[in-house]
Amino acid sequence: WIRPAPPQTYLVEGQERTYPGSDEF
């Protein structure tokens, strides 16, 4: 039931980092 979602990019401590998405995790 874990369905993939688009990745999300965050600004973490001033640096961009992309995490895989999981829209129904």
PDB file of all heavy atoms in Angstrom:
ATOM      1  N   TRP A   1       0.801  -1.214   0.000  1.00  0.00           N
ATOM      2  CA  TRP A   1       0.000   0.000   0.000  1.00  0.00           C
ATOM      3  C   TRP A   1       0.841   1.274   0.000  1.00  0.00           C
ATOM      4  O   TRP A   1       0.300   2.370  -0.073  1.00  0.00           O
ATOM      5  CB  TRP A   1      -0.961   0.013   1.197  1.00  0.00           C
ATOM      6  CG  TRP A   1      -0.340  -0.329   2.513  1.00  0.00           C
ATOM      7  CD1 TRP A   1      -0.323  -1.551   3.113  1.00  0.00           C
ATOM      8  CD2 TRP A   1       0.364   0.553   3.381  1.00  0.00           C
ATOM      9  NE1 TRP A   1       0.353  -1.489   4.307  1.00  0.00           N
ATOM     10  CE2 TRP A   1       0.775  -0.216   4.500  1.00  0.00           C
ATOM     11  CE3 TRP A   1       0.683   1.903   3.340  1.00  0.00           C
ATOM     12  CZ2 TRP A   1       1.501   0.335   5.551  1.00  0.00           C
ATOM     13  CZ3 TRP A   1       1.400   2.462   4.383  1.00  0.00           C
ATOM     14  CH2 TRP A   1       1.793   1.660   5.477  1.00  0.00           C
ATOM     15  N   ILE A   2       2.158   1.150   0.060  1.00  0.00           N
ATOM     16  CA  ILE A   2       3.014   2.333  -0.078  1.00  0.00           C
ATOM     17  C   ILE A   2       3.126   2.675  -1.557  1.00  0.00           C
ATOM     18  O   ILE A   2       3.629   1.885  -2.349  1.00  0.00           O
ATOM     19  CB  ILE A   2       4.408   2.094   0.531  1.00  0.00           C
ATOM     20  CG1 ILE A   2       4.308   1.898   2.045  1.00  0.00           C
ATOM     21  CG2 ILE A   2       5.335   3.263   0.211  1.00  0.00           C
ATOM     22  CD1 ILE A   2       5.636   1.655   2.716  1.00  0.00           C
ATOM     23  N   ARG A   3       2.643   3.856  -1.916  1.00  0.00           N
ATOM     24  CA  ARG A   3       2.627   4.260  -3.312  1.00  0.00           C
ATOM     25  C   ARG A   3       3.662   5.357  -3.560  1.00  0.00           C
ATOM     26  O   ARG A   3       3.737   6.312  -2.797  1.00  0.00           O
ATOM     27  CB  ARG A   3       1.236   4.785  -3.684  1.00  0.00           C
ATOM     28  CG  ARG A   3       0.088   3.861  -3.267  1.00  0.00           C
ATOM     29  CD  ARG A   3       0.086   2.556  -4.040  1.00  0.00           C
ATOM     30  NE  ARG A   3      -0.955   1.652  -3.554  1.00  0.00           N
ATOM     31  CZ  ARG A   3      -2.232   1.701  -3.918  1.00  0.00           C
ATOM     32  NH1 ARG A   3      -2.644   2.626  -4.755  1.00  0.00           N
ATOM     33  NH2 ARG A   3      -3.094   0.814  -3.446  1.00  0.00           N
ATOM     34  N   PRO A   4       4.446   5.236  -4.627  1.00  0.00           N
ATOM     35  CA  PRO A   4       5.463   6.250  -4.900  1.00  0.00           C
ATOM     36  C   PRO A   4       4.844   7.589  -5.278  1.00  0.00           C
ATOM     37  O   PRO A   4       3.765   7.669  -5.848  1.00  0.00           O
ATOM     38  CB  PRO A   4       6.251   5.647  -6.068  1.00  0.00           C
ATOM     39  CG  PRO A   4       5.286   4.707  -6.718  1.00  0.00           C
ATOM     40  CD  PRO A   4       4.434   4.146  -5.625  1.00  0.00           C
ATOM     41  N   ALA A   5       5.555   8.648  -4.946  1.00  0.00           N
ATOM     42  CA  ALA A   5       5.134  10.007  -5.283  1.00  0.00           C
ATOM     43  C   ALA A   5       6.344  10.758  -5.828  1.00  0.00           C
ATOM     44  O   ALA A   5       7.479  10.290  -5.715  1.00  0.00           O
ATOM     45  CB  ALA A   5       4.587  10.700  -4.047  1.00  0.00           C
ATOM     46  N   PRO A   6       6.125  11.902  -6.429  1.00  0.00           N
ATOM     47  CA  PRO A   6       7.267  12.668  -6.950  1.00  0.00           C
ATOM     48  C   PRO A   6       8.246  13.026  -5.832  1.00  0.00           C
ATOM     49  O   PRO A   6       7.839  13.242  -4.690  1.00  0.00           O
ATOM     50  CB  PRO A   6       6.604  13.930  -7.521  1.00  0.00           C
ATOM     51  CG  PRO A   6       5.193  13.542  -7.786  1.00  0.00           C
ATOM     52  CD  PRO A   6       4.836  12.548  -6.728  1.00  0.00           C
ATOM     53  N   PRO A   7       9.533  13.069  -6.130  1.00  0.00           N
ATOM     54  CA  PRO A   7      10.523  13.467  -5.118  1.00  0.00           C
ATOM     55  C   PRO A   7      10.299  14.900  -4.667  1.00  0.00           C
ATOM     56  O   PRO A   7       9.681  15.708  -5.368  1.00  0.00           O
ATOM     57  CB  PRO A   7      11.859  13.298  -5.840  1.00  0.00           C
ATOM     58  CG  PRO A   7      11.523  13.362  -7.288  1.00  0.00           C
ATOM     59  CD  PRO A   7      10.155  12.795  -7.434  1.00  0.00           C
ATOM     60  N   GLN A   8      10.807  15.198  -3.480  1.00  0.00           N
ATOM     61  CA  GLN A   8      10.662  16.540  -2.919  1.00  0.00           C
ATOM     62  C   GLN A   8      12.029  17.098  -2.579  1.00  0.00           C
ATOM     63  O   GLN A   8      12.847  16.419  -1.944  1.00  0.00           O
ATOM     64  CB  GLN A   8       9.805  16.486  -1.651  1.00  0.00           C
ATOM     65  CG  GLN A   8       9.757  17.774  -0.858  1.00  0.00           C
ATOM     66  CD  GLN A   8       9.106  18.916  -1.629  1.00  0.00           C
ATOM     67  OE1 GLN A   8       8.210  18.690  -2.428  1.00  0.00           O
ATOM     68  NE2 GLN A   8       9.557  20.132  -1.391  1.00  0.00           N
ATOM     69  N   THR A   9      12.273  18.311  -2.986  1.00  0.00           N
ATOM     70  CA  THR A   9      13.525  18.997  -2.675  1.00  0.00           C
ATOM     71  C   THR A   9      13.303  19.978  -1.538  1.00  0.00           C
ATOM     72  O   THR A   9      12.373  20.791  -1.566  1.00  0.00           O
ATOM     73  CB  THR A   9      14.070  19.733  -3.900  1.00  0.00           C
ATOM     74  OG1 THR A   9      14.342  18.781  -4.943  1.00  0.00           O
ATOM     75  CG2 THR A   9      15.365  20.461  -3.564  1.00  0.00           C
ATOM     76  N   TYR A  10      14.153  19.873  -0.516  1.00  0.00           N
ATOM     77  CA  TYR A  10      14.102  20.758   0.641  1.00  0.00           C
ATOM     78  C   TYR A  10      15.404  21.559   0.717  1.00  0.00           C
ATOM     79  O   TYR A  10      16.448  21.110   0.226  1.00  0.00           O
ATOM     80  CB  TYR A  10      13.956  19.969   1.943  1.00  0.00           C
ATOM     81  CG  TYR A  10      12.682  19.178   2.072  1.00  0.00           C
ATOM     82  CD1 TYR A  10      12.638  17.828   1.702  1.00  0.00           C
ATOM     83  CD2 TYR A  10      11.527  19.762   2.587  1.00  0.00           C
ATOM     84  CE1 TYR A  10      11.475  17.094   1.842  1.00  0.00           C
ATOM     85  CE2 TYR A  10      10.366  19.030   2.735  1.00  0.00           C
ATOM     86  CZ  TYR A  10      10.339  17.696   2.357  1.00  0.00           C
ATOM     87  OH  TYR A  10       9.177  16.973   2.494  1.00  0.00           O
ATOM     88  N   LEU A  11      15.312  22.694   1.371  1.00  0.00           N
ATOM     89  CA  LEU A  11      16.508  23.453   1.726  1.00  0.00           C
ATOM     90  C   LEU A  11      16.834  23.091   3.172  1.00  0.00           C
ATOM     91  O   LEU A  11      16.155  23.529   4.107  1.00  0.00           O
ATOM     92  CB  LEU A  11      16.257  24.953   1.587  1.00  0.00           C
ATOM     93  CG  LEU A  11      17.492  25.851   1.666  1.00  0.00           C
ATOM     94  CD1 LEU A  11      18.422  25.589   0.480  1.00  0.00           C
ATOM     95  CD2 LEU A  11      17.078  27.318   1.700  1.00  0.00           C
ATOM     96  N   VAL A  12      17.856  22.249   3.339  1.00  0.00           N
ATOM     97  CA  VAL A  12      18.207  21.708   4.648  1.00  0.00           C
ATOM     98  C   VAL A  12      19.522  22.329   5.097  1.00  0.00           C
ATOM     99  O   VAL A  12      20.569  22.096   4.486  1.00  0.00           O
ATOM    100  CB  VAL A  12      18.325  20.170   4.598  1.00  0.00           C
ATOM    101  CG1 VAL A  12      18.666  19.601   5.967  1.00  0.00           C
ATOM    102  CG2 VAL A  12      17.025  19.560   4.080  1.00  0.00           C
ATOM    103  N   GLU A  13      19.451  23.129   6.155  1.00  0.00           N
ATOM    104  CA  GLU A  13      20.640  23.828   6.649  1.00  0.00           C
ATOM    105  C   GLU A  13      21.321  24.620   5.535  1.00  0.00           C
ATOM    106  O   GLU A  13      22.555  24.645   5.431  1.00  0.00           O
ATOM    107  CB  GLU A  13      21.640  22.842   7.263  1.00  0.00           C
ATOM    108  CG  GLU A  13      21.081  21.985   8.383  1.00  0.00           C
ATOM    109  CD  GLU A  13      21.019  22.701   9.721  1.00  0.00           C
ATOM    110  OE1 GLU A  13      20.042  23.455   9.938  1.00  0.00           O
ATOM    111  OE2 GLU A  13      21.921  22.513  10.547  1.00  0.00           O
ATOM    112  N   GLY A  14      20.510  25.223   4.670  1.00  0.00           N
ATOM    113  CA  GLY A  14      21.035  26.073   3.619  1.00  0.00           C
ATOM    114  C   GLY A  14      21.462  25.350   2.355  1.00  0.00           C
ATOM    115  O   GLY A  14      21.900  25.990   1.404  1.00  0.00           O
ATOM    116  N   GLN A  15      21.317  24.018   2.307  1.00  0.00           N
ATOM    117  CA  GLN A  15      21.709  23.250   1.124  1.00  0.00           C
ATOM    118  C   GLN A  15      20.506  22.484   0.580  1.00  0.00           C
ATOM    119  O   GLN A  15      19.731  21.912   1.348  1.00  0.00           O
ATOM    120  CB  GLN A  15      22.834  22.270   1.460  1.00  0.00           C
ATOM    121  CG  GLN A  15      24.122  22.949   1.888  1.00  0.00           C
ATOM    122  CD  GLN A  15      25.271  21.964   2.047  1.00  0.00           C
ATOM    123  OE1 GLN A  15      25.102  20.767   1.905  1.00  0.00           O
ATOM    124  NE2 GLN A  15      26.440  22.488   2.348  1.00  0.00           N
ATOM    125  N   GLU A  16      20.377  22.482  -0.732  1.00  0.00           N
ATOM    126  CA  GLU A  16      19.277  21.738  -1.342  1.00  0.00           C
ATOM    127  C   GLU A  16      19.527  20.240  -1.235  1.00  0.00           C
ATOM    128  O   GLU A  16      20.635  19.753  -1.491  1.00  0.00           O
ATOM    129  CB  GLU A  16      19.114  22.130  -2.810  1.00  0.00           C
ATOM    130  CG  GLU A  16      18.452  23.474  -3.009  1.00  0.00           C
ATOM    131  CD  GLU A  16      18.019  23.696  -4.448  1.00  0.00           C
ATOM    132  OE1 GLU A  16      18.334  22.846  -5.316  1.00  0.00           O
ATOM    133  OE2 GLU A  16      17.352  24.710  -4.705  1.00  0.00           O
ATOM    134  N   ARG A  17      18.469  19.509  -0.864  1.00  0.00           N
ATOM    135  CA  ARG A  17      18.557  18.053  -0.816  1.00  0.00           C
ATOM    136  C   ARG A  17      17.217  17.481  -1.262  1.00  0.00           C
ATOM    137  O   ARG A  17      16.167  17.942  -0.826  1.00  0.00           O
ATOM    138  CB  ARG A  17      18.908  17.558   0.584  1.00  0.00           C
ATOM    139  CG  ARG A  17      18.923  16.038   0.635  1.00  0.00           C
ATOM    140  CD  ARG A  17      19.656  15.480   1.785  1.00  0.00           C
ATOM    141  NE  ARG A  17      19.584  14.031   1.741  1.00  0.00           N
ATOM    142  CZ  ARG A  17      20.008  13.233   2.697  1.00  0.00           C
ATOM    143  NH1 ARG A  17      20.542  13.737   3.796  1.00  0.00           N
ATOM    144  NH2 ARG A  17      19.902  11.918   2.587  1.00  0.00           N
ATOM    145  N   THR A  18      17.289  16.481  -2.126  1.00  0.00           N
ATOM    146  CA  THR A  18      16.077  15.866  -2.667  1.00  0.00           C
ATOM    147  C   THR A  18      15.841  14.507  -2.016  1.00  0.00           C
ATOM    148  O   THR A  18      16.757  13.674  -1.936  1.00  0.00           O
ATOM    149  CB  THR A  18      16.183  15.715  -4.188  1.00  0.00           C
ATOM    150  OG1 THR A  18      16.355  17.010  -4.778  1.00  0.00           O
ATOM    151  CG2 THR A  18      14.925  15.074  -4.765  1.00  0.00           C
ATOM    152  N   TYR A  19      14.618  14.301  -1.554  1.00  0.00           N
ATOM    153  CA  TYR A  19      14.210  13.049  -0.931  1.00  0.00           C
ATOM    154  C   TYR A  19      13.158  12.372  -1.801  1.00  0.00           C
ATOM    155  O   TYR A  19      12.322  13.050  -2.410  1.00  0.00           O
ATOM    156  CB  TYR A  19      13.602  13.310   0.457  1.00  0.00           C
ATOM    157  CG  TYR A  19      14.599  13.804   1.476  1.00  0.00           C
ATOM    158  CD1 TYR A  19      14.972  15.149   1.519  1.00  0.00           C
ATOM    159  CD2 TYR A  19      15.156  12.944   2.408  1.00  0.00           C
ATOM    160  CE1 TYR A  19      15.885  15.611   2.457  1.00  0.00           C
ATOM    161  CE2 TYR A  19      16.070  13.403   3.350  1.00  0.00           C
ATOM    162  CZ  TYR A  19      16.427  14.734   3.370  1.00  0.00           C
ATOM    163  OH  TYR A  19      17.327  15.183   4.300  1.00  0.00           O
ATOM    164  N   PRO A  20      13.178  11.039  -1.869  1.00  0.00           N
ATOM    165  CA  PRO A  20      12.128  10.351  -2.623  1.00  0.00           C
ATOM    166  C   PRO A  20      10.777  10.577  -1.972  1.00  0.00           C
ATOM    167  O   PRO A  20      10.667  10.664  -0.745  1.00  0.00           O
ATOM    168  CB  PRO A  20      12.538   8.875  -2.554  1.00  0.00           C
ATOM    169  CG  PRO A  20      13.413   8.780  -1.348  1.00  0.00           C
ATOM    170  CD  PRO A  20      14.108  10.096  -1.232  1.00  0.00           C
ATOM    171  N   GLY A  21       9.728  10.688  -2.781  1.00  0.00           N
ATOM    172  CA  GLY A  21       8.389  10.895  -2.243  1.00  0.00           C
ATOM    173  C   GLY A  21       7.694   9.577  -1.946  1.00  0.00           C
ATOM    174  O   GLY A  21       8.044   8.521  -2.477  1.00  0.00           O
ATOM    175  N   SER A  22       6.716   9.625  -1.078  1.00  0.00           N
ATOM    176  CA  SER A  22       5.859   8.457  -0.789  1.00  0.00           C
ATOM    177  C   SER A  22       4.531   9.001  -0.305  1.00  0.00           C
ATOM    178  O   SER A  22       4.316   9.183   0.877  1.00  0.00           O
ATOM    179  CB  SER A  22       6.491   7.540   0.256  1.00  0.00           C
ATOM    180  OG  SER A  22       6.950   8.277   1.363  1.00  0.00           O
ATOM    181  N   ASP A  23       3.635   9.254  -1.250  1.00  0.00           N
ATOM    182  CA  ASP A  23       2.468  10.083  -0.942  1.00  0.00           C
ATOM    183  C   ASP A  23       1.493   9.420   0.023  1.00  0.00           C
ATOM    184  O   ASP A  23       0.703  10.116   0.666  1.00  0.00           O
ATOM    185  CB  ASP A  23       1.742  10.492  -2.216  1.00  0.00           C
ATOM    186  CG  ASP A  23       1.243   9.329  -3.050  1.00  0.00           C
ATOM    187  OD1 ASP A  23       1.593   8.166  -2.761  1.00  0.00           O
ATOM    188  OD2 ASP A  23       0.495   9.590  -4.009  1.00  0.00           O
ATOM    189  N   GLU A  24       1.533   8.093   0.139  1.00  0.00           N
ATOM    190  CA  GLU A  24       0.618   7.454   1.076  1.00  0.00           C
ATOM    191  C   GLU A  24       1.367   6.608   2.091  1.00  0.00           C
ATOM    192  O   GLU A  24       0.809   5.739   2.730  1.00  0.00           O
ATOM    193  CB  GLU A  24      -0.425   6.640   0.309  1.00  0.00           C
ATOM    194  CG  GLU A  24      -1.351   7.574  -0.469  1.00  0.00           C
ATOM    195  CD  GLU A  24      -2.416   6.851  -1.248  1.00  0.00           C
ATOM    196  OE1 GLU A  24      -2.080   5.941  -2.002  1.00  0.00           O
ATOM    197  OE2 GLU A  24      -3.589   7.222  -1.106  1.00  0.00           O
ATOM    198  N   PHE A  25       2.636   6.863   2.236  1.00  0.00           N
ATOM    199  CA  PHE A  25       3.428   6.278   3.316  1.00  0.00           C
ATOM    200  C   PHE A  25       2.901   6.833   4.632  1.00  0.00           C
ATOM    201  O   PHE A  25       2.893   8.030   4.853  1.00  0.00           O
ATOM    202  CB  PHE A  25       4.892   6.683   3.139  1.00  0.00           C
ATOM    203  CG  PHE A  25       5.852   6.019   4.086  1.00  0.00           C
ATOM    204  CD1 PHE A  25       6.568   4.913   3.685  1.00  0.00           C
ATOM    205  CD2 PHE A  25       6.051   6.499   5.362  1.00  0.00           C
ATOM    206  CE1 PHE A  25       7.473   4.309   4.531  1.00  0.00           C
ATOM    207  CE2 PHE A  25       6.951   5.906   6.222  1.00  0.00           C
ATOM    208  CZ  PHE A  25       7.668   4.803   5.798  1.00  0.00           C
TER     209      PHE A  25
END
